[in-house]
């Protein structure tokens, strides 16, 4: 392929695409809004699945590097009732197919695998326009532009490339995370640390959940999930950490103190992360010279599949382009025809479909039935 691929966004999907292309000798340039690879924290833990994310890393030739960053024991999983009773406790015996890694470490092995200069930092895309004959121009906030015959939008929920293909825009999904961190947990927060255990812990109830991960360096990362409208959250002043913490913890009044401590004892200010989605089954007609991957293509609420699907998208697109180096449109058509149904498949865990947070089935006992293979 004589035309370098232009990728907007240096997230996991865009970097996986760049790496798979590099493996096949196809040049690519990645434009990223962040000023440097260390400009911000890269989020928490990811479970990388053996049926999509790990296959992508295999295509990228990075399985050894991946195994080196796996946090052993973190596939341990606990389900607690709101009174703190442990309803389910599954140890990590090393045979699970969802090993846990830190997102930042995974991103770094992808960055390290690319030729120097592949990623152009400090290039925030402002918009893109068609020039005809499959060529497009991207304009960046720093005043520069890039013209390409193959443009890939890997630029997330608020993609600047998506309007070339679709009029769809993300809408609020009705749920939000409130994130907190507890540091030196075993020493400073022993009750909460014991509740979480060695891996992940979930305490679900209709309309709400407390979900926590034990990350590296004895850190507990908590995601409080609430099904509330945006104006409910807007009434909370998240610039006042104490007031915001108190208001969120009220929603768990009567829950066990070792669970609510994951909210009230946070060592960082609570951070609100609203969830947005694109329309279910989002797709577009083939437009020459441009496509999307990851959240830019199929943004959904957090379900454990987002990062895995983005990496799978990147790997599959890279393989399609390598298989059709002289026919970009055939490659893009092949990729999209497989990606559309893959991205809309129901989320399945342990053989059962995961209930929605507002479902009456969103309880610890129902989750255990699902984990024990009794789900429907």
Protein backbone atom coordinates (compact mmCIF):
# COMPACT_ATOMS: atom_id res chain seq x y z
CA UNK A 1 0.00 0.00 0.00
CA UNK A 2 1.54 3.25 -1.13
CA UNK A 3 -0.75 5.61 0.77
CA UNK A 4 0.02 5.87 4.49
CA UNK A 5 -2.98 5.33 6.73
CA UNK A 6 -4.03 8.37 8.78
CA UNK A 7 -5.43 7.45 12.19
CA UNK A 8 -7.08 10.02 14.43
CA UNK A 9 -6.71 9.03 18.09
CA UNK A 10 -3.97 7.19 20.01
CA UNK A 11 -6.24 5.11 22.20
CA UNK A 12 -6.01 1.34 22.34
CA UNK A 13 -7.92 0.82 19.09
CA UNK A 14 -5.96 3.31 17.01
CA UNK A 15 -2.63 2.07 18.34
CA UNK A 16 -3.57 -1.56 17.70
CA UNK A 17 -4.39 -0.68 14.11
CA UNK A 18 -1.08 1.16 13.70
CA UNK A 19 0.83 -1.78 15.16
CA UNK A 20 -0.87 -4.43 12.99
CA UNK A 21 -0.23 -2.29 9.93
CA UNK A 22 3.42 -1.95 10.95
CA UNK A 23 3.70 -5.74 11.31
CA UNK A 24 2.55 -5.97 7.69
CA UNK A 25 4.88 -3.23 6.46
CA UNK A 26 2.15 -0.63 5.95
CA UNK A 27 3.01 2.90 7.14
CA UNK A 28 0.61 4.82 9.35
CA UNK A 29 0.51 8.14 11.16
CA UNK A 30 -1.48 8.58 14.36
CA UNK A 31 -2.62 12.06 15.37
CA UNK A 32 -3.42 12.47 19.07
CA UNK A 33 -4.90 15.46 20.92
CA UNK A 34 -2.94 14.87 24.14
CA UNK A 35 0.39 16.73 24.24
CA UNK A 36 2.40 13.68 25.35
CA UNK A 37 1.94 10.02 26.31
CA UNK A 38 2.05 10.96 29.99
CA UNK A 39 -0.25 13.99 29.80
CA UNK A 40 -2.98 12.31 31.88
CA UNK A 41 -3.72 9.12 33.75
CA UNK A 42 -5.03 6.40 31.47
CA UNK A 43 -7.84 5.00 33.57
CA UNK A 44 -8.04 1.85 35.61
CA UNK A 45 -7.99 -1.89 35.12
CA UNK A 46 -9.03 -3.74 31.99
CA UNK A 47 -9.86 -7.41 31.66
CA UNK A 48 -8.56 -8.45 28.26
CA UNK A 49 -10.64 -11.29 26.89
CA UNK A 50 -9.30 -14.37 25.16
CA UNK A 51 -11.95 -14.15 22.43
CA UNK A 52 -11.29 -10.58 21.22
CA UNK A 53 -8.72 -8.39 22.98
CA UNK A 54 -6.07 -11.11 23.27
CA UNK A 55 -6.63 -12.12 19.64
CA UNK A 56 -5.93 -8.52 18.67
CA UNK A 57 -2.69 -8.54 20.65
CA UNK A 58 -1.74 -11.81 18.98
CA UNK A 59 -2.25 -10.18 15.57
CA UNK A 60 -0.06 -7.33 16.81
CA UNK A 61 2.68 -9.75 17.87
CA UNK A 62 2.54 -8.52 21.46
CA UNK A 63 1.25 -11.44 23.52
CA UNK A 64 4.53 -11.86 25.41
CA UNK A 65 4.58 -8.18 26.31
CA UNK A 66 0.94 -8.44 27.36
CA UNK A 67 1.56 -11.41 29.65
CA UNK A 68 4.40 -9.48 31.29
CA UNK A 69 2.01 -6.74 32.50
CA UNK A 70 -0.81 -9.00 33.73
CA UNK A 71 -1.56 -8.43 37.42
CA UNK A 72 -1.66 -11.92 38.87
CA UNK A 73 -4.62 -12.84 41.03
CA UNK A 74 -6.84 -10.00 39.88
CA UNK A 75 -9.40 -12.30 38.23
CA UNK A 76 -10.58 -13.07 41.76
CA UNK A 77 -14.22 -12.02 41.89
CA UNK A 78 -16.57 -11.38 44.79
CA UNK A 79 -20.28 -10.57 44.96
CA UNK A 80 -21.52 -8.89 48.13
CA UNK A 81 -25.00 -8.10 49.37
CA UNK A 82 -25.74 -4.58 50.53
CA UNK A 83 -25.32 -5.74 54.14
CA UNK A 84 -21.74 -6.81 53.37
CA UNK A 85 -22.46 -10.53 53.30
CA UNK A 86 -20.18 -12.34 50.84
CA UNK A 87 -22.50 -14.16 48.46
CA UNK A 88 -19.88 -15.38 46.00
CA UNK A 89 -16.09 -15.57 46.13
CA UNK A 90 -14.24 -17.06 43.17
CA UNK A 91 -10.46 -17.25 43.44
CA UNK A 92 -8.15 -16.61 40.50
CA UNK A 93 -6.73 -20.05 39.73
CA UNK A 94 -4.88 -18.86 36.65
CA UNK A 95 -7.23 -20.55 34.18
CA UNK A 96 -9.60 -17.64 33.53
CA UNK A 97 -9.81 -16.02 30.13
CA UNK A 98 -9.96 -12.40 31.32
CA UNK A 99 -6.57 -11.42 32.81
CA UNK A 100 -6.39 -7.92 34.25
CA UNK A 101 -3.93 -5.21 33.27
CA UNK A 102 -3.63 -1.49 33.89
CA UNK A 103 -4.85 0.47 30.87
CA UNK A 104 -1.79 2.72 30.97
CA UNK A 105 0.61 -0.22 30.87
CA UNK A 106 -1.25 -1.75 27.92
CA UNK A 107 -1.19 1.51 26.02
CA UNK A 108 2.54 1.81 26.69
CA UNK A 109 3.43 -1.56 25.19
CA UNK A 110 1.52 -0.55 22.06
CA UNK A 111 3.34 2.78 21.90
CA UNK A 112 6.70 1.10 22.43
CA UNK A 113 6.00 -1.27 19.54
CA UNK A 114 5.67 1.51 16.96
CA UNK A 115 8.45 3.25 15.01
CA UNK A 116 9.56 6.57 16.46
CA UNK A 117 7.44 9.44 15.15
CA UNK A 118 4.38 7.32 14.35
CA UNK A 119 2.29 9.26 16.89
CA UNK A 120 2.03 13.01 16.41
CA UNK A 121 1.19 14.40 19.84
CA UNK A 122 -0.62 17.69 20.40
CA UNK A 123 -2.82 17.35 17.31
CA UNK A 124 -6.44 17.81 18.38
CA UNK A 125 -8.73 17.25 15.41
CA UNK A 126 -11.19 20.06 14.88
CA UNK A 127 -12.95 18.66 11.85
CA UNK A 128 -12.60 16.74 8.62
CA UNK A 129 -13.89 17.33 5.09
CA UNK A 130 -14.10 15.34 1.90
CA UNK A 131 -11.92 16.42 -1.01
CA UNK A 132 -13.33 13.92 -3.51
CA UNK A 133 -12.07 10.60 -4.90
CA UNK A 134 -11.74 9.14 -1.40
CA UNK A 135 -9.39 11.85 -0.14
CA UNK A 136 -10.01 13.79 3.06
CA UNK A 137 -8.49 16.72 4.91
CA UNK A 138 -8.30 16.89 8.69
CA UNK A 139 -7.85 20.25 10.40
CA UNK A 140 -6.16 20.40 13.78
CA UNK A 141 -6.51 22.95 16.58
CA UNK A 142 -2.81 23.85 16.27
CA UNK A 143 -3.46 25.22 12.77
CA UNK A 144 -2.00 22.32 10.79
CA UNK A 145 -3.82 20.04 8.37
CA UNK A 146 -3.37 16.53 7.01
CA UNK A 147 -4.60 15.20 3.67
CA UNK A 148 -5.02 11.46 3.26
CA UNK A 149 -6.51 8.82 0.98
CA UNK A 150 -7.32 6.58 3.95
CA UNK A 151 -8.71 8.17 7.11
CA UNK A 152 -9.62 6.18 10.23
CA UNK A 153 -11.55 7.77 13.07
CA UNK A 154 -10.33 6.16 16.29
CA UNK A 155 -11.15 9.31 18.21
CA UNK A 156 -13.74 8.09 20.66
CA UNK A 157 -17.20 9.15 21.70
CA UNK A 158 -17.07 12.68 20.32
CA UNK A 159 -15.33 11.73 17.08
CA UNK A 160 -14.55 14.51 14.61
CA UNK A 161 -14.33 11.96 11.82
CA UNK A 162 -17.77 10.39 12.36
CA UNK A 163 -19.73 13.22 10.66
CA UNK A 164 -18.14 12.19 7.34
CA UNK A 165 -20.10 8.94 7.63
CA UNK A 166 -23.04 9.45 9.95
CA UNK A 167 -25.26 12.11 11.51
CA UNK A 168 -25.54 10.09 14.73
CA UNK A 169 -24.41 11.76 17.97
CA UNK A 170 -23.99 10.26 21.44
CA UNK A 171 -26.89 10.57 23.86
CA UNK A 172 -26.90 10.24 27.65
CA UNK A 173 -27.54 6.61 28.55
CA UNK A 174 -29.29 7.25 31.86
CA UNK A 175 -26.41 6.06 34.06
CA UNK A 176 -23.17 7.53 35.34
CA UNK A 177 -20.08 6.47 37.24
CA UNK A 178 -18.78 8.33 40.25
CA UNK A 179 -15.14 7.31 40.66
CA UNK A 180 -13.09 7.27 43.85
CA UNK A 181 -9.68 5.89 44.85
CA UNK A 182 -8.43 4.54 48.16
CA UNK A 183 -4.63 4.35 48.47
CA UNK A 184 -2.56 2.07 50.74
CA UNK A 185 -5.82 0.24 51.25
CA UNK A 186 -4.70 -2.69 53.40
CA UNK A 187 -3.07 -0.32 55.88
CA UNK A 188 -5.30 2.74 55.78
CA UNK A 189 -8.66 1.26 54.75
CA UNK A 190 -8.59 -2.35 56.01
CA UNK A 191 -12.35 -2.94 56.19
CA UNK A 192 -12.92 -1.76 52.62
CA UNK A 193 -9.86 -3.69 51.43
CA UNK A 194 -11.16 -6.88 53.04
CA UNK A 195 -14.55 -6.37 51.41
CA UNK A 196 -13.05 -5.96 47.95
CA UNK A 197 -10.67 -8.90 48.31
CA UNK A 198 -7.86 -9.61 45.89
CA UNK A 199 -9.52 -8.75 42.59
CA UNK A 200 -12.92 -7.24 41.80
CA UNK A 201 -16.01 -6.84 43.95
CA UNK A 202 -19.55 -5.95 42.97
CA UNK A 203 -22.49 -5.12 45.20
CA UNK A 204 -25.49 -4.68 42.88
CA UNK A 205 -29.04 -3.50 43.49
CA UNK A 206 -31.76 -2.27 41.12
CA UNK A 207 -30.71 1.16 39.88
CA UNK A 208 -27.35 1.25 41.63
CA UNK A 209 -24.10 -0.65 42.17
CA UNK A 210 -20.81 -0.36 43.97
CA UNK A 211 -18.04 -1.91 41.90
CA UNK A 212 -14.40 -1.90 42.97
CA UNK A 213 -11.09 -3.21 41.67
CA UNK A 214 -7.86 -3.88 43.49
CA UNK A 215 -5.30 -2.25 41.23
CA UNK A 216 -1.51 -2.16 41.48
CA UNK A 217 0.28 -0.59 44.46
CA UNK A 218 -2.45 -1.53 46.99
CA UNK A 219 -4.98 0.84 45.39
CA UNK A 220 -8.74 0.34 45.40
CA UNK A 221 -10.52 1.95 42.45
CA UNK A 222 -14.26 2.30 42.97
CA UNK A 223 -16.96 2.89 40.40
CA UNK A 224 -20.25 3.88 41.98
CA UNK A 225 -22.93 3.31 39.34
CA UNK A 226 -26.21 5.21 39.56
CA UNK A 227 -29.19 5.24 37.22
CA UNK A 228 -30.20 8.89 37.42
CA UNK A 229 -31.00 11.66 34.91
CA UNK A 230 -28.34 14.21 34.05
CA UNK A 231 -30.12 17.00 35.91
CA UNK A 232 -29.94 14.94 39.11
CA UNK A 233 -26.14 14.91 38.84
CA UNK A 234 -26.09 18.54 37.69
CA UNK A 235 -27.59 19.53 41.04
CA UNK A 236 -24.50 18.17 42.80
CA UNK A 237 -21.49 20.46 43.12
CA UNK A 238 -18.61 18.16 42.27
CA UNK A 239 -16.16 21.03 42.88
CA UNK A 240 -17.06 20.57 46.58
CA UNK A 241 -15.64 17.12 47.21
CA UNK A 242 -17.12 16.72 50.70
CA UNK A 243 -20.62 17.75 49.63
CA UNK A 244 -20.53 15.56 46.52
CA UNK A 245 -19.29 12.58 48.53
CA UNK A 246 -22.03 13.05 51.10
CA UNK A 247 -24.74 13.30 48.44
CA UNK A 248 -23.62 10.18 46.56
CA UNK A 249 -23.24 8.17 49.75
CA UNK A 250 -26.84 9.05 50.70
CA UNK A 251 -27.98 6.82 47.86
CA UNK A 252 -26.47 3.88 49.75
CA UNK A 253 -27.95 4.69 53.14
CA UNK A 254 -28.24 1.52 55.21
CA UNK A 255 -25.57 -0.36 53.26
CA UNK A 256 -22.66 -1.95 55.12
CA UNK A 257 -20.06 0.59 56.29
CA UNK A 258 -17.21 -1.33 54.62
CA UNK A 259 -19.02 -0.78 51.31
CA UNK A 260 -19.98 2.87 51.80
CA UNK A 261 -16.39 3.52 52.94
CA UNK A 262 -15.41 3.00 49.30
CA UNK A 263 -17.28 6.27 48.70
CA UNK A 264 -16.88 8.24 51.92
CA UNK A 265 -13.21 7.45 52.59
CA UNK A 266 -11.92 8.28 49.11
CA UNK A 267 -8.41 9.73 48.95
CA UNK A 268 -9.33 11.66 45.79
CA UNK A 269 -12.26 13.92 45.02
CA UNK A 270 -15.18 12.01 43.47
CA UNK A 271 -15.21 12.28 39.68
CA UNK A 272 -18.44 12.16 37.69
CA UNK A 273 -18.30 10.19 34.43
CA UNK A 274 -21.62 10.25 32.56
CA UNK A 275 -22.30 7.40 30.15
CA UNK A 276 -23.26 8.11 26.56
CA UNK A 277 -24.20 5.79 23.74
CA UNK A 278 -24.66 5.86 20.01
CA UNK A 279 -27.92 4.41 18.68
CA UNK A 280 -28.13 0.63 18.94
CA UNK A 281 -27.07 -0.94 15.67
CA UNK A 282 -25.32 2.25 14.49
CA UNK A 283 -23.98 1.81 10.98
CA UNK A 284 -23.42 3.77 7.80
CA UNK A 285 -23.21 3.41 4.06
CA UNK A 286 -19.76 2.91 2.58
CA UNK A 287 -17.99 6.23 1.98
CA UNK A 288 -14.74 5.95 0.01
CA UNK A 289 -11.52 6.43 1.94
CA UNK A 290 -12.82 6.65 5.52
CA UNK A 291 -14.02 4.39 8.35
CA UNK A 292 -14.35 4.29 12.15
CA UNK A 293 -13.38 1.96 14.97
CA UNK A 294 -14.03 1.59 18.68
CA UNK A 295 -16.20 4.15 20.46
CA UNK A 296 -16.25 6.36 17.38
CA UNK A 297 -18.17 3.57 15.65
CA UNK A 298 -20.19 1.88 18.40
CA UNK A 299 -20.11 3.77 21.69
CA UNK A 300 -21.94 1.85 24.44
CA UNK A 301 -22.23 2.00 28.20
CA UNK A 302 -19.30 0.39 30.07
CA UNK A 303 -19.75 -3.37 29.93
CA UNK A 304 -16.27 -4.84 29.91
CA UNK A 305 -16.17 -5.03 26.12
CA UNK A 306 -15.32 -1.49 24.99
CA UNK A 307 -11.51 -1.66 25.04
CA UNK A 308 -11.55 -5.25 23.80
CA UNK A 309 -13.81 -4.39 20.86
CA UNK A 310 -11.72 -1.32 19.96
CA UNK A 311 -8.57 -3.44 19.84
CA UNK A 312 -10.36 -6.13 17.86
CA UNK A 313 -11.59 -3.47 15.42
CA UNK A 314 -8.05 -2.15 15.00
CA UNK A 315 -6.58 -5.60 14.43
CA UNK A 316 -9.30 -6.71 11.99
CA UNK A 317 -9.07 -3.48 10.00
CA UNK A 318 -5.29 -3.81 9.86
CA UNK A 319 -5.54 -7.41 8.64
CA UNK A 320 -8.14 -6.47 6.01
CA UNK A 321 -5.92 -3.69 4.65
CA UNK A 322 -2.94 -6.04 4.58
CA UNK A 323 -5.01 -8.62 2.69
CA UNK A 324 -6.12 -6.07 0.07
CA UNK A 325 -3.19 -3.63 -0.23
CA UNK A 326 -4.25 -2.47 -3.69
CA UNK A 327 -7.99 -2.24 -3.01
CA UNK A 328 -8.80 -0.05 -0.02
CA UNK A 329 -12.55 -0.13 -0.62
CA UNK A 330 -12.71 -3.92 -0.60
CA UNK A 331 -10.74 -3.91 2.66
CA UNK A 332 -13.01 -1.32 4.29
CA UNK A 333 -16.17 -3.10 3.13
CA UNK A 334 -14.92 -6.42 4.49
CA UNK A 335 -14.01 -4.82 7.81
CA UNK A 336 -17.30 -2.95 8.26
CA UNK A 337 -19.50 -5.91 7.31
CA UNK A 338 -17.89 -7.92 10.13
CA UNK A 339 -17.64 -5.04 12.61
CA UNK A 340 -21.30 -3.94 12.52
CA UNK A 341 -22.84 -7.18 13.88
CA UNK A 342 -19.89 -7.81 16.22
CA UNK A 343 -20.39 -4.48 17.96
CA UNK A 344 -24.12 -5.03 18.58
CA UNK A 345 -23.93 -8.52 20.09
CA UNK A 346 -25.44 -8.88 23.56
CA UNK A 347 -22.98 -8.77 26.44
CA UNK A 348 -22.55 -12.33 27.69
CA UNK A 349 -20.73 -13.29 30.88
CA UNK A 350 -20.26 -16.88 32.01
CA UNK A 351 -22.77 -18.00 29.37
CA UNK A 352 -25.65 -15.71 30.33
CA UNK A 353 -26.85 -12.30 29.18
CA UNK A 354 -26.03 -9.57 31.68
CA UNK A 355 -29.14 -7.81 33.11
CA UNK A 356 -29.41 -4.03 32.91
CA UNK A 357 -28.81 -1.96 36.01
CA UNK A 358 -32.47 -0.93 36.25
CA UNK A 359 -33.65 -4.52 36.07
CA UNK A 360 -35.22 -6.09 39.15
CA UNK A 361 -32.73 -8.89 38.42
CA UNK A 362 -29.78 -6.59 39.14
CA UNK A 363 -29.16 -8.20 42.52
CA UNK A 364 -26.36 -10.19 44.06
CA UNK A 365 -28.38 -13.41 44.14
CA UNK A 366 -29.41 -13.08 40.48
CA UNK A 367 -25.81 -12.37 39.49
CA UNK A 368 -24.68 -15.50 41.31
CA UNK A 369 -27.28 -17.57 39.49
CA UNK A 370 -25.79 -16.24 36.26
CA UNK A 371 -22.23 -16.99 37.37
CA UNK A 372 -23.26 -20.51 38.33
CA UNK A 373 -24.73 -21.14 34.88
CA UNK A 374 -28.37 -20.79 35.88
CA UNK A 375 -28.93 -17.61 33.89
CA UNK A 376 -31.39 -17.44 31.04
